[in-house]
Amino acid sequence: MANVPTAPASMGRLTRPNPLMYVILILVGTLALAPFVWMVLSSVKSFGDFSFVDFSSLPNIMKSFWPWPPFGDSTPALDNFAEAIRRIDRSSEYFKQTGIPLFFRQFINTFGVSIAVVAGVVITSSLAAYAFAMLEFPGRNVLFIIVLMTLMIPEELVLVPRVIMMYEPLSAEAFATTDSLIRLIPRTGWQNTVAALTIPFMASAFAIFMLRQYFMQIPKELFDAARIDGAGHLRYLTVMMLPLAKPAVMTVGLLQFIGSWNEFKWTQLVTRTLEQRTLSVSLQNFLQTDGGAEGQLAMAVAVMIVLPIIILYFFTQQYFVEGVAKSGVK
């Protein structure tokens, strides 16, 4: 009887479940999820329930966390969300002039800016990644290393020059009196415009790296066959490469959307009026007003801001996991 090859014993050890690893993962997952759960629960508490904190006994601890039956006798305050929007509009000139809630205007701003940034990043990064992965030209590797080096530059280091670039061009008098280094920075006049919120973020070194890694795993025989059929580079990229790289493209789009949606510092610096700002700045402004004194309303605003991201991730998580796994990004 012929000997049947068996798997090495080490393979069994590698695939054997490790209880300690599961315990660690559960603890880490709980720590990561706890703030979000607390935020959601707090958003539907009354002011009294939100302020009630008592750790003297287990029933009071449970009531502090869950003031509704069976641990308490309160009812969910679902009107916190509408009240939070009313508080935002209380001192809003935009609402008084248009009748449109300022929160909705800032939601549209945030969504539009995020979509524009995602579209720009996908277009520019896919073109650059294709060039680095498929084309042969002098200095390709050096140029790619330079692109990767930009990932190591702290954002704060280039923040001030980028903000100055958004200002109005200097007049002749101002140019003569401005410091020589400052006046060398070109200015676009984009401050308080959509261009300032979108164009500076329409290229991403990380997206170029990730798509390039994915493109390099696609067999070169497909490219040779497409060239024989008369397909050019742009057609091959759009018809063959991007559909095959859909998980990586979706991952890049998701990460850029989340980053743009959560952007705070840049929006605060380059916008002047509330109707031009985004939701992250809206939350900060809300905390500085009388609405910020009621924590349950602040949590309601935070839930409304983060909810679209949760929904988006729910529908794209399979592409996100597959894109990261197959692109070689650890």
Protein backbone atom coordinates (compact mmCIF):
# COMPACT_ATOMS: atom_id res chain seq x y z
CA MET A 1 0.00 0.00 0.00
CA ALA A 2 1.44 3.32 -1.01
CA ASN A 3 2.33 5.78 1.66
CA VAL A 4 -0.08 8.71 1.79
CA PRO A 5 1.73 11.99 2.35
CA THR A 6 0.69 13.71 5.50
CA ALA A 7 0.95 17.33 6.52
CA PRO A 8 3.77 18.23 8.86
CA ALA A 9 2.92 18.36 12.52
CA SER A 10 3.89 22.02 12.58
CA MET A 11 0.94 22.87 10.29
CA GLY A 12 -1.45 21.51 12.88
CA ARG A 13 0.12 23.71 15.50
CA LEU A 14 -0.17 26.75 13.24
CA THR A 15 -3.88 26.27 12.64
CA ARG A 16 -4.82 25.22 16.18
CA PRO A 17 -7.01 27.86 17.88
CA ASN A 18 -5.26 29.83 20.57
CA PRO A 19 -7.64 30.72 23.45
CA LEU A 20 -5.31 33.46 24.70
CA MET A 21 -5.39 35.16 21.31
CA TYR A 22 -9.20 35.16 21.35
CA VAL A 23 -9.22 36.69 24.83
CA ILE A 24 -6.84 39.44 23.72
CA LEU A 25 -8.92 40.15 20.60
CA ILE A 26 -12.12 40.34 22.66
CA LEU A 27 -10.52 42.75 25.13
CA VAL A 28 -9.13 44.97 22.38
CA GLY A 29 -12.45 44.90 20.52
CA THR A 30 -14.33 45.82 23.69
CA LEU A 31 -12.01 48.73 24.44
CA ALA A 32 -12.35 49.99 20.87
CA LEU A 33 -16.14 49.65 20.81
CA ALA A 34 -16.91 50.96 24.32
CA PRO A 35 -16.60 54.72 23.50
CA PHE A 36 -18.87 54.33 20.48
CA VAL A 37 -21.50 52.40 22.46
CA TRP A 38 -21.36 54.99 25.25
CA MET A 39 -21.79 57.80 22.69
CA VAL A 40 -24.84 56.16 21.10
CA LEU A 41 -26.50 55.42 24.45
CA SER A 42 -25.76 58.92 25.76
CA SER A 43 -27.32 60.50 22.67
CA VAL A 44 -30.79 59.25 23.69
CA LYS A 45 -30.54 60.01 27.42
CA SER A 46 -32.27 62.90 29.13
CA PHE A 47 -30.17 65.57 30.80
CA GLY A 48 -30.83 64.02 34.20
CA ASP A 49 -29.92 60.51 33.06
CA PHE A 50 -26.77 61.76 31.35
CA SER A 51 -25.69 63.56 34.54
CA PHE A 52 -26.49 60.60 36.81
CA VAL A 53 -23.29 58.74 37.72
CA ASP A 54 -23.30 56.47 40.78
CA PHE A 55 -20.82 53.65 41.35
CA SER A 56 -21.88 52.89 44.93
CA SER A 57 -23.66 49.65 43.99
CA LEU A 58 -24.08 47.35 41.02
CA PRO A 59 -27.74 48.40 40.36
CA ASN A 60 -26.71 52.07 40.30
CA ILE A 61 -23.78 51.29 38.01
CA MET A 62 -26.13 49.55 35.58
CA LYS A 63 -28.61 52.42 35.83
CA SER A 64 -25.85 54.93 35.09
CA PHE A 65 -25.03 53.04 31.92
CA TRP A 66 -28.58 51.95 30.97
CA PRO A 67 -31.28 54.18 32.57
CA TRP A 68 -34.11 52.40 30.76
CA PRO A 69 -35.95 49.22 31.80
CA PRO A 70 -35.06 46.82 33.34
CA PHE A 71 -32.43 48.86 35.24
CA GLY A 72 -34.29 52.19 35.24
CA ASP A 73 -37.67 53.73 34.50
CA SER A 74 -36.67 56.36 31.91
CA THR A 75 -37.65 56.42 28.23
CA PRO A 76 -35.26 57.10 25.33
CA ALA A 77 -35.07 60.82 24.51
CA LEU A 78 -35.24 60.49 20.73
CA ASP A 79 -35.99 64.19 20.36
CA ASN A 80 -32.36 64.99 21.31
CA PHE A 81 -31.40 64.91 17.63
CA ALA A 82 -34.01 67.47 16.57
CA GLU A 83 -33.20 69.61 19.61
CA ALA A 84 -29.49 69.56 18.77
CA ILE A 85 -30.22 70.80 15.24
CA ARG A 86 -32.43 73.57 16.68
CA ARG A 87 -29.62 74.61 19.03
CA ILE A 88 -27.20 74.83 16.10
CA ASP A 89 -29.64 77.09 14.23
CA ARG A 90 -30.45 79.26 17.25
CA SER A 91 -27.78 81.87 16.43
CA SER A 92 -27.33 81.01 12.75
CA GLU A 93 -27.77 83.87 10.30
CA TYR A 94 -27.82 81.34 7.47
CA PHE A 95 -30.94 79.66 8.89
CA LYS A 96 -32.64 83.01 9.45
CA GLN A 97 -32.00 84.05 5.84
CA THR A 98 -32.73 80.77 4.02
CA GLY A 99 -34.83 78.67 6.39
CA ILE A 100 -32.49 75.74 5.75
CA PRO A 101 -30.95 74.19 8.89
CA LEU A 102 -27.25 74.96 9.09
CA PHE A 103 -26.52 71.33 10.00
CA PHE A 104 -28.03 70.15 6.70
CA ARG A 105 -25.99 72.70 4.75
CA GLN A 106 -22.81 71.55 6.47
CA PHE A 107 -23.79 67.92 5.85
CA ILE A 108 -24.09 68.67 2.12
CA ASN A 109 -20.73 70.49 2.24
CA THR A 110 -19.05 67.53 3.92
CA PHE A 111 -20.58 64.97 1.58
CA GLY A 112 -19.77 66.98 -1.55
CA VAL A 113 -16.19 67.67 -0.50
CA SER A 114 -15.62 64.02 0.43
CA ILE A 115 -16.98 62.75 -2.91
CA ALA A 116 -14.86 65.26 -4.85
CA VAL A 117 -11.71 64.29 -2.95
CA VAL A 118 -12.37 60.57 -3.48
CA ALA A 119 -12.90 61.09 -7.22
CA GLY A 120 -9.72 63.16 -7.51
CA VAL A 121 -7.60 60.70 -5.54
CA VAL A 122 -8.85 57.67 -7.48
CA ILE A 123 -8.14 59.35 -10.83
CA THR A 124 -4.70 60.76 -10.01
CA SER A 125 -3.54 57.77 -7.98
CA SER A 126 -4.64 55.16 -10.52
CA LEU A 127 -2.82 56.99 -13.31
CA ALA A 128 0.35 57.40 -11.25
CA ALA A 129 0.21 53.84 -9.91
CA TYR A 130 -0.21 52.48 -13.45
CA ALA A 131 2.83 54.41 -14.61
CA PHE A 132 4.96 53.13 -11.72
CA ALA A 133 3.77 49.54 -12.16
CA MET A 134 3.54 49.09 -15.93
CA LEU A 135 5.67 51.69 -17.71
CA GLU A 136 9.42 51.73 -18.09
CA PHE A 137 11.00 55.19 -18.00
CA PRO A 138 14.25 56.67 -16.68
CA GLY A 139 14.20 57.46 -12.97
CA ARG A 140 11.02 55.50 -12.27
CA ASN A 141 12.28 53.91 -9.06
CA VAL A 142 13.85 57.13 -7.82
CA LEU A 143 10.63 59.04 -8.43
CA PHE A 144 8.63 56.36 -6.64
CA ILE A 145 10.95 56.57 -3.63
CA ILE A 146 10.45 60.34 -3.56
CA VAL A 147 6.68 59.80 -3.54
CA LEU A 148 7.03 57.40 -0.60
CA MET A 149 9.25 59.86 1.26
CA THR A 150 6.39 62.36 1.33
CA LEU A 151 4.55 59.95 3.63
CA MET A 152 7.19 60.63 6.28
CA ILE A 153 6.70 64.41 6.27
CA PRO A 154 4.53 65.49 9.24
CA GLU A 155 1.36 67.25 8.17
CA GLU A 156 2.00 70.08 10.63
CA LEU A 157 5.28 70.87 8.87
CA VAL A 158 3.56 71.89 5.64
CA LEU A 159 0.32 73.16 7.15
CA VAL A 160 1.32 76.82 7.44
CA PRO A 161 2.71 77.14 3.87
CA ARG A 162 -0.38 75.43 2.50
CA VAL A 163 -2.66 77.81 4.39
CA ILE A 164 -0.72 80.82 3.09
CA MET A 165 -1.17 79.46 -0.44
CA MET A 166 -4.94 79.77 0.03
CA TYR A 167 -4.75 83.51 0.83
CA GLU A 168 -5.43 86.30 -1.62
CA PRO A 169 -2.42 87.40 -3.73
CA LEU A 170 -0.35 90.17 -2.15
CA SER A 171 -0.83 93.72 -3.30
CA ALA A 172 2.19 95.75 -4.37
CA GLU A 173 2.32 97.55 -1.01
CA ALA A 174 1.92 94.35 1.01
CA PHE A 175 4.51 92.56 -1.11
CA ALA A 176 7.08 95.25 -0.34
CA THR A 177 6.52 95.04 3.43
CA THR A 178 6.13 91.25 3.78
CA ASP A 179 8.99 89.03 4.90
CA SER A 180 11.04 87.87 1.92
CA LEU A 181 10.45 84.16 2.61
CA ILE A 182 6.69 84.50 3.10
CA ARG A 183 6.15 86.47 -0.10
CA LEU A 184 7.85 83.74 -2.13
CA ILE A 185 4.94 81.38 -1.40
CA PRO A 186 2.47 81.51 -4.32
CA ARG A 187 -1.10 82.42 -3.41
CA THR A 188 -4.29 81.23 -5.07
CA GLY A 189 -7.05 83.24 -3.42
CA TRP A 190 -9.01 80.04 -2.67
CA GLN A 191 -9.70 80.78 1.00
CA ASN A 192 -13.34 80.14 1.96
CA THR A 193 -14.01 78.26 -1.30
CA VAL A 194 -14.70 74.65 -2.21
CA ALA A 195 -11.40 74.56 -4.11
CA ALA A 196 -9.47 75.04 -0.87
CA LEU A 197 -11.27 72.08 0.70
CA THR A 198 -10.79 69.68 -2.21
CA ILE A 199 -7.88 70.37 -4.58
CA PRO A 200 -5.04 70.13 -1.98
CA PHE A 201 -6.21 66.59 -1.12
CA MET A 202 -6.78 65.21 -4.63
CA ALA A 203 -3.46 63.37 -4.67
CA SER A 204 -2.31 60.78 -2.14
CA ALA A 205 1.07 59.09 -1.88
CA PHE A 206 -0.43 56.25 0.14
CA ALA A 207 -3.10 55.64 -2.51
CA ILE A 208 -0.43 55.58 -5.22
CA PHE A 209 1.59 53.06 -3.22
CA MET A 210 -1.38 50.82 -2.50
CA LEU A 211 -2.69 50.76 -6.08
CA ARG A 212 0.80 50.22 -7.46
CA GLN A 213 1.27 47.19 -5.21
CA TYR A 214 -2.03 45.77 -6.42
CA PHE A 215 -1.33 46.51 -10.10
CA MET A 216 2.00 44.70 -9.90
CA GLN A 217 0.21 41.47 -8.93
CA ILE A 218 -1.85 41.46 -12.14
CA PRO A 219 -0.22 39.13 -14.72
CA LYS A 220 1.76 40.95 -17.40
CA GLU A 221 0.36 38.51 -19.97
CA LEU A 222 -2.93 40.40 -19.84
CA PHE A 223 -1.12 43.58 -20.80
CA ASP A 224 0.66 41.85 -23.69
CA ALA A 225 -2.62 40.41 -24.96
CA ALA A 226 -4.32 43.80 -24.76
CA ARG A 227 -1.47 45.44 -26.67
CA ILE A 228 -1.76 42.81 -29.40
CA ASP A 229 -5.47 43.63 -29.67
CA GLY A 230 -4.58 47.28 -30.16
CA ALA A 231 -5.52 48.60 -26.71
CA GLY A 232 -3.66 51.67 -25.52
CA HIS A 233 -2.50 52.35 -21.99
CA LEU A 234 -5.57 54.35 -20.98
CA ARG A 235 -7.98 51.76 -22.35
CA TYR A 236 -6.10 48.92 -20.68
CA LEU A 237 -6.15 50.80 -17.38
CA THR A 238 -9.87 51.56 -17.47
CA VAL A 239 -11.13 48.31 -19.03
CA MET A 240 -8.80 45.75 -17.45
CA MET A 241 -6.74 47.05 -14.54
CA LEU A 242 -9.30 49.05 -12.56
CA PRO A 243 -12.02 46.35 -12.66
CA LEU A 244 -9.48 43.74 -11.51
CA ALA A 245 -8.24 46.12 -8.81
CA LYS A 246 -11.74 46.95 -7.55
CA PRO A 247 -11.00 45.91 -3.93
CA ALA A 248 -7.94 48.18 -3.80
CA VAL A 249 -9.81 51.07 -5.46
CA MET A 250 -12.70 50.68 -3.01
CA THR A 251 -10.26 50.59 -0.10
CA VAL A 252 -8.54 53.77 -1.28
CA GLY A 253 -11.90 55.45 -1.78
CA LEU A 254 -13.14 54.42 1.67
CA LEU A 255 -10.01 55.63 3.46
CA GLN A 256 -10.03 58.94 1.59
CA PHE A 257 -13.75 59.44 2.25
CA ILE A 258 -13.28 58.87 5.98
CA GLY A 259 -10.26 61.16 6.10
CA SER A 260 -12.05 63.93 4.24
CA TRP A 261 -15.23 63.50 6.28
CA ASN A 262 -13.31 63.83 9.56
CA GLU A 263 -10.98 66.66 8.47
CA PHE A 264 -10.98 69.44 11.08
CA LYS A 265 -7.83 71.54 11.22
CA TRP A 266 -7.66 72.39 7.53
CA THR A 267 -11.35 73.29 7.31
CA GLN A 268 -11.08 75.49 10.37
CA LEU A 269 -8.12 77.38 8.90
CA VAL A 270 -9.26 77.98 5.31
CA THR A 271 -12.96 78.77 5.84
CA ARG A 272 -14.44 81.88 7.41
CA THR A 273 -18.22 81.40 7.39
CA LEU A 274 -20.23 78.63 9.04
CA GLU A 275 -22.13 77.82 5.86
CA GLN A 276 -18.83 76.97 4.12
CA ARG A 277 -17.62 74.67 6.89
CA THR A 278 -18.05 70.94 7.42
CA LEU A 279 -19.55 68.78 10.14
CA SER A 280 -16.40 68.29 12.20
CA VAL A 281 -16.13 72.05 12.65
CA SER A 282 -19.87 72.19 13.35
CA LEU A 283 -19.42 69.85 16.32
CA GLN A 284 -16.58 71.98 17.69
CA ASN A 285 -18.68 75.14 17.36
CA PHE A 286 -21.60 73.40 19.06
CA LEU A 287 -19.42 72.46 22.03
CA GLN A 288 -18.39 76.12 22.43
CA THR A 289 -22.00 77.34 22.61
CA ASP A 290 -24.68 76.77 25.24
CA GLY A 291 -25.54 73.47 23.54
CA GLY A 292 -22.20 72.10 24.65
CA ALA A 293 -23.30 72.39 28.28
CA GLU A 294 -25.72 69.52 27.71
CA GLY A 295 -23.63 66.48 26.94
CA GLN A 296 -26.48 64.37 25.62
CA LEU A 297 -27.06 66.90 22.81
CA ALA A 298 -23.36 66.92 21.93
CA MET A 299 -23.48 63.12 21.73
CA ALA A 300 -26.52 63.37 19.46
CA VAL A 301 -24.59 65.63 17.08
CA ALA A 302 -21.64 63.24 17.17
CA VAL A 303 -23.88 60.27 16.32
CA MET A 304 -25.40 62.10 13.35
CA ILE A 305 -21.90 62.93 12.09
CA VAL A 306 -20.46 59.42 12.43
CA LEU A 307 -23.53 57.50 11.22
CA PRO A 308 -22.84 57.93 7.45
CA ILE A 309 -19.32 56.56 7.94
CA ILE A 310 -20.68 53.49 9.74
CA ILE A 311 -23.21 52.86 6.97
CA LEU A 312 -20.57 53.29 4.26
CA TYR A 313 -18.16 50.90 5.97
CA PHE A 314 -20.93 48.34 6.45
CA PHE A 315 -21.48 48.13 2.69
CA THR A 316 -17.80 48.25 1.70
CA GLN A 317 -16.07 46.22 4.42
CA GLN A 318 -15.60 43.15 2.21
CA TYR A 319 -13.71 45.21 -0.36
CA PHE A 320 -11.68 46.89 2.39
CA VAL A 321 -10.46 43.60 3.87
CA GLU A 322 -9.73 42.09 0.45
CA GLY A 323 -7.98 45.22 -0.79
CA VAL A 324 -5.63 45.42 2.19
CA ALA A 325 -4.94 41.66 2.12
CA LYS A 326 -4.04 41.52 -1.58
CA SER A 327 -2.16 44.80 -1.94
CA GLY A 328 0.73 43.74 0.27
CA VAL A 329 0.07 46.53 2.78
CA LYS A 330 0.64 45.30 6.31
